[in-house]
Amino acid sequence: MTGFGIDPDQGLSQADELRVVRLAAELGYESAWTNAGPDAAAFERCRGWHLASGLTVGISAVPAPGQPPAFYADHARQLWELTGGHFTLVVGSGLLSQ
């Protein structure tokens, strides 16, 4: 599977991110990935990307200590259902840098 990633720290606007994922889908990319912080922003980013492009989406690393397990499970389930199973969540045990 050919994929690419966008880090929110790259400073792209939401509109620019959506243009990138649409173009990537047109060029034959199969997945779009982002990283996560201790909130739901990465899940929302993936939701928007999938709705805009139809690409499989994923969160490359969620620092598990950031939220209770139910937080991640609920958001992941919702995104899994929305995408028809075209979502991957990678969970790590690391900590967020201060």
C-alpha atoms as a PDB file:
ATOM      1  CA  MET A   1       0.000   0.000   0.000  1.00  0.00           C
ATOM      2  CA  THR A   2       1.428   3.352  -1.039  1.00  0.00           C
ATOM      3  CA  GLY A   3       0.823   6.008   1.560  1.00  0.00           C
ATOM      4  CA  PHE A   4       2.033   9.390   2.719  1.00  0.00           C
ATOM      5  CA  GLY A   5       1.894  11.418   5.900  1.00  0.00           C
ATOM      6  CA  ILE A   6       1.070  14.950   6.919  1.00  0.00           C
ATOM      7  CA  ASP A   7       2.267  16.215  10.288  1.00  0.00           C
ATOM      8  CA  PRO A   8       0.109  19.037  11.661  1.00  0.00           C
ATOM      9  CA  ASP A   9       3.336  20.806  12.654  1.00  0.00           C
ATOM     10  CA  GLN A  10       4.014  21.355   8.938  1.00  0.00           C
ATOM     11  CA  GLY A  11       1.628  24.287   9.186  1.00  0.00           C
ATOM     12  CA  LEU A  12      -0.727  23.449   6.317  1.00  0.00           C
ATOM     13  CA  SER A  13      -4.206  24.875   6.542  1.00  0.00           C
ATOM     14  CA  GLN A  14      -7.127  22.454   6.632  1.00  0.00           C
ATOM     15  CA  ALA A  15      -7.990  23.465   3.053  1.00  0.00           C
ATOM     16  CA  ASP A  16      -4.424  22.746   1.910  1.00  0.00           C
ATOM     17  CA  GLU A  17      -4.431  19.360   3.654  1.00  0.00           C
ATOM     18  CA  LEU A  18      -7.656  18.447   1.853  1.00  0.00           C
ATOM     19  CA  ARG A  19      -6.189  19.528  -1.501  1.00  0.00           C
ATOM     20  CA  VAL A  20      -3.128  17.356  -0.836  1.00  0.00           C
ATOM     21  CA  VAL A  21      -5.160  14.249   0.030  1.00  0.00           C
ATOM     22  CA  ARG A  22      -7.448  14.685  -2.995  1.00  0.00           C
ATOM     23  CA  LEU A  23      -4.429  15.054  -5.267  1.00  0.00           C
ATOM     24  CA  ALA A  24      -2.761  12.048  -3.661  1.00  0.00           C
ATOM     25  CA  ALA A  25      -5.856   9.928  -4.331  1.00  0.00           C
ATOM     26  CA  GLU A  26      -5.854  11.079  -7.976  1.00  0.00           C
ATOM     27  CA  LEU A  27      -2.161  10.152  -8.252  1.00  0.00           C
ATOM     28  CA  GLY A  28      -2.792   6.633  -6.969  1.00  0.00           C
ATOM     29  CA  TYR A  29      -1.823   6.866  -3.321  1.00  0.00           C
ATOM     30  CA  GLU A  30      -3.790   4.445  -1.195  1.00  0.00           C
ATOM     31  CA  SER A  31      -3.491   5.861   2.318  1.00  0.00           C
ATOM     32  CA  ALA A  32      -2.926   9.069   4.267  1.00  0.00           C
ATOM     33  CA  TRP A  33      -1.367   9.135   7.734  1.00  0.00           C
ATOM     34  CA  THR A  34      -0.969  11.612  10.557  1.00  0.00           C
ATOM     35  CA  ASN A  35       0.433  11.582  14.070  1.00  0.00           C
ATOM     36  CA  ALA A  36      -1.544  12.433  17.203  1.00  0.00           C
ATOM     37  CA  GLY A  37      -1.527  14.385  20.406  1.00  0.00           C
ATOM     38  CA  PRO A  38      -3.613  13.880  23.544  1.00  0.00           C
ATOM     39  CA  ASP A  39      -6.852  15.080  21.935  1.00  0.00           C
ATOM     40  CA  ALA A  40      -9.233  14.128  19.135  1.00  0.00           C
ATOM     41  CA  ALA A  41      -7.652  16.347  16.457  1.00  0.00           C
ATOM     42  CA  ALA A  42      -5.962  13.477  14.579  1.00  0.00           C
ATOM     43  CA  PHE A  43      -9.225  11.533  14.446  1.00  0.00           C
ATOM     44  CA  GLU A  44     -11.001  14.594  13.040  1.00  0.00           C
ATOM     45  CA  ARG A  45      -8.191  15.118  10.534  1.00  0.00           C
ATOM     46  CA  CYS A  46      -8.508  11.511   9.345  1.00  0.00           C
ATOM     47  CA  ARG A  47     -12.279  11.855   9.116  1.00  0.00           C
ATOM     48  CA  GLY A  48     -11.991  14.908   6.880  1.00  0.00           C
ATOM     49  CA  TRP A  49      -9.324  13.332   4.716  1.00  0.00           C
ATOM     50  CA  HIS A  50     -11.343  10.174   4.141  1.00  0.00           C
ATOM     51  CA  LEU A  51     -14.524  12.088   3.326  1.00  0.00           C
ATOM     52  CA  ALA A  52     -12.608  14.320   0.895  1.00  0.00           C
ATOM     53  CA  SER A  53     -10.670  11.580  -0.887  1.00  0.00           C
ATOM     54  CA  GLY A  54     -11.912   8.089  -0.047  1.00  0.00           C
ATOM     55  CA  LEU A  55      -8.385   7.150   0.986  1.00  0.00           C
ATOM     56  CA  THR A  56      -7.648   4.704   3.764  1.00  0.00           C
ATOM     57  CA  VAL A  57      -6.512   6.826   6.707  1.00  0.00           C
ATOM     58  CA  GLY A  58      -4.415   6.159   9.763  1.00  0.00           C
ATOM     59  CA  ILE A  59      -2.875   7.614  12.868  1.00  0.00           C
ATOM     60  CA  SER A  60       0.755   6.528  12.952  1.00  0.00           C
ATOM     61  CA  ALA A  61       1.345   6.864  16.677  1.00  0.00           C
ATOM     62  CA  VAL A  62      -0.944   7.723  19.551  1.00  0.00           C
ATOM     63  CA  PRO A  63       0.827   8.204  22.885  1.00  0.00           C
ATOM     64  CA  ALA A  64      -1.442   5.973  24.965  1.00  0.00           C
ATOM     65  CA  PRO A  65      -0.834   7.726  28.308  1.00  0.00           C
ATOM     66  CA  GLY A  66      -2.459  10.873  26.876  1.00  0.00           C
ATOM     67  CA  GLN A  67      -6.068   9.726  27.441  1.00  0.00           C
ATOM     68  CA  PRO A  68      -7.995   6.824  28.976  1.00  0.00           C
ATOM     69  CA  PRO A  69      -8.305   3.730  26.734  1.00  0.00           C
ATOM     70  CA  ALA A  70     -12.045   4.322  26.260  1.00  0.00           C
ATOM     71  CA  PHE A  71     -11.287   7.687  24.614  1.00  0.00           C
ATOM     72  CA  TYR A  72      -9.163   6.059  21.914  1.00  0.00           C
ATOM     73  CA  ALA A  73     -11.474   3.057  21.540  1.00  0.00           C
ATOM     74  CA  ASP A  74     -14.558   5.206  21.020  1.00  0.00           C
ATOM     75  CA  HIS A  75     -12.931   7.544  18.507  1.00  0.00           C
ATOM     76  CA  ALA A  76     -11.318   4.649  16.629  1.00  0.00           C
ATOM     77  CA  ARG A  77     -14.612   2.737  16.467  1.00  0.00           C
ATOM     78  CA  GLN A  78     -16.450   5.755  15.085  1.00  0.00           C
ATOM     79  CA  LEU A  79     -13.794   6.317  12.424  1.00  0.00           C
ATOM     80  CA  TRP A  80     -13.634   2.601  11.578  1.00  0.00           C
ATOM     81  CA  GLU A  81     -17.391   2.590  10.998  1.00  0.00           C
ATOM     82  CA  LEU A  82     -17.373   5.832   8.988  1.00  0.00           C
ATOM     83  CA  THR A  83     -14.601   4.595   6.681  1.00  0.00           C
ATOM     84  CA  GLY A  84     -15.991   1.088   6.264  1.00  0.00           C
ATOM     85  CA  GLY A  85     -12.917  -0.380   7.922  1.00  0.00           C
ATOM     86  CA  HIS A  86     -10.389   1.803   6.096  1.00  0.00           C
ATOM     87  CA  PHE A  87      -8.779   3.185   9.250  1.00  0.00           C
ATOM     88  CA  THR A  88      -5.715   2.077  11.204  1.00  0.00           C
ATOM     89  CA  LEU A  89      -4.727   3.230  14.674  1.00  0.00           C
ATOM     90  CA  VAL A  90      -1.193   2.620  15.951  1.00  0.00           C
ATOM     91  CA  VAL A  91      -0.881   2.941  19.728  1.00  0.00           C
ATOM     92  CA  GLY A  92       2.422   3.567  21.476  1.00  0.00           C
ATOM     93  CA  SER A  93       3.401   3.557  25.108  1.00  0.00           C
ATOM     94  CA  GLY A  94       5.509   6.709  24.945  1.00  0.00           C
ATOM     95  CA  LEU A  95       4.908  10.092  26.488  1.00  0.00           C
ATOM     96  CA  LEU A  96       4.201  13.423  24.886  1.00  0.00           C
ATOM     97  CA  SER A  97       7.094  15.875  25.047  1.00  0.00           C
ATOM     98  CA  GLN A  98       6.395  18.938  27.149  1.00  0.00           C
END
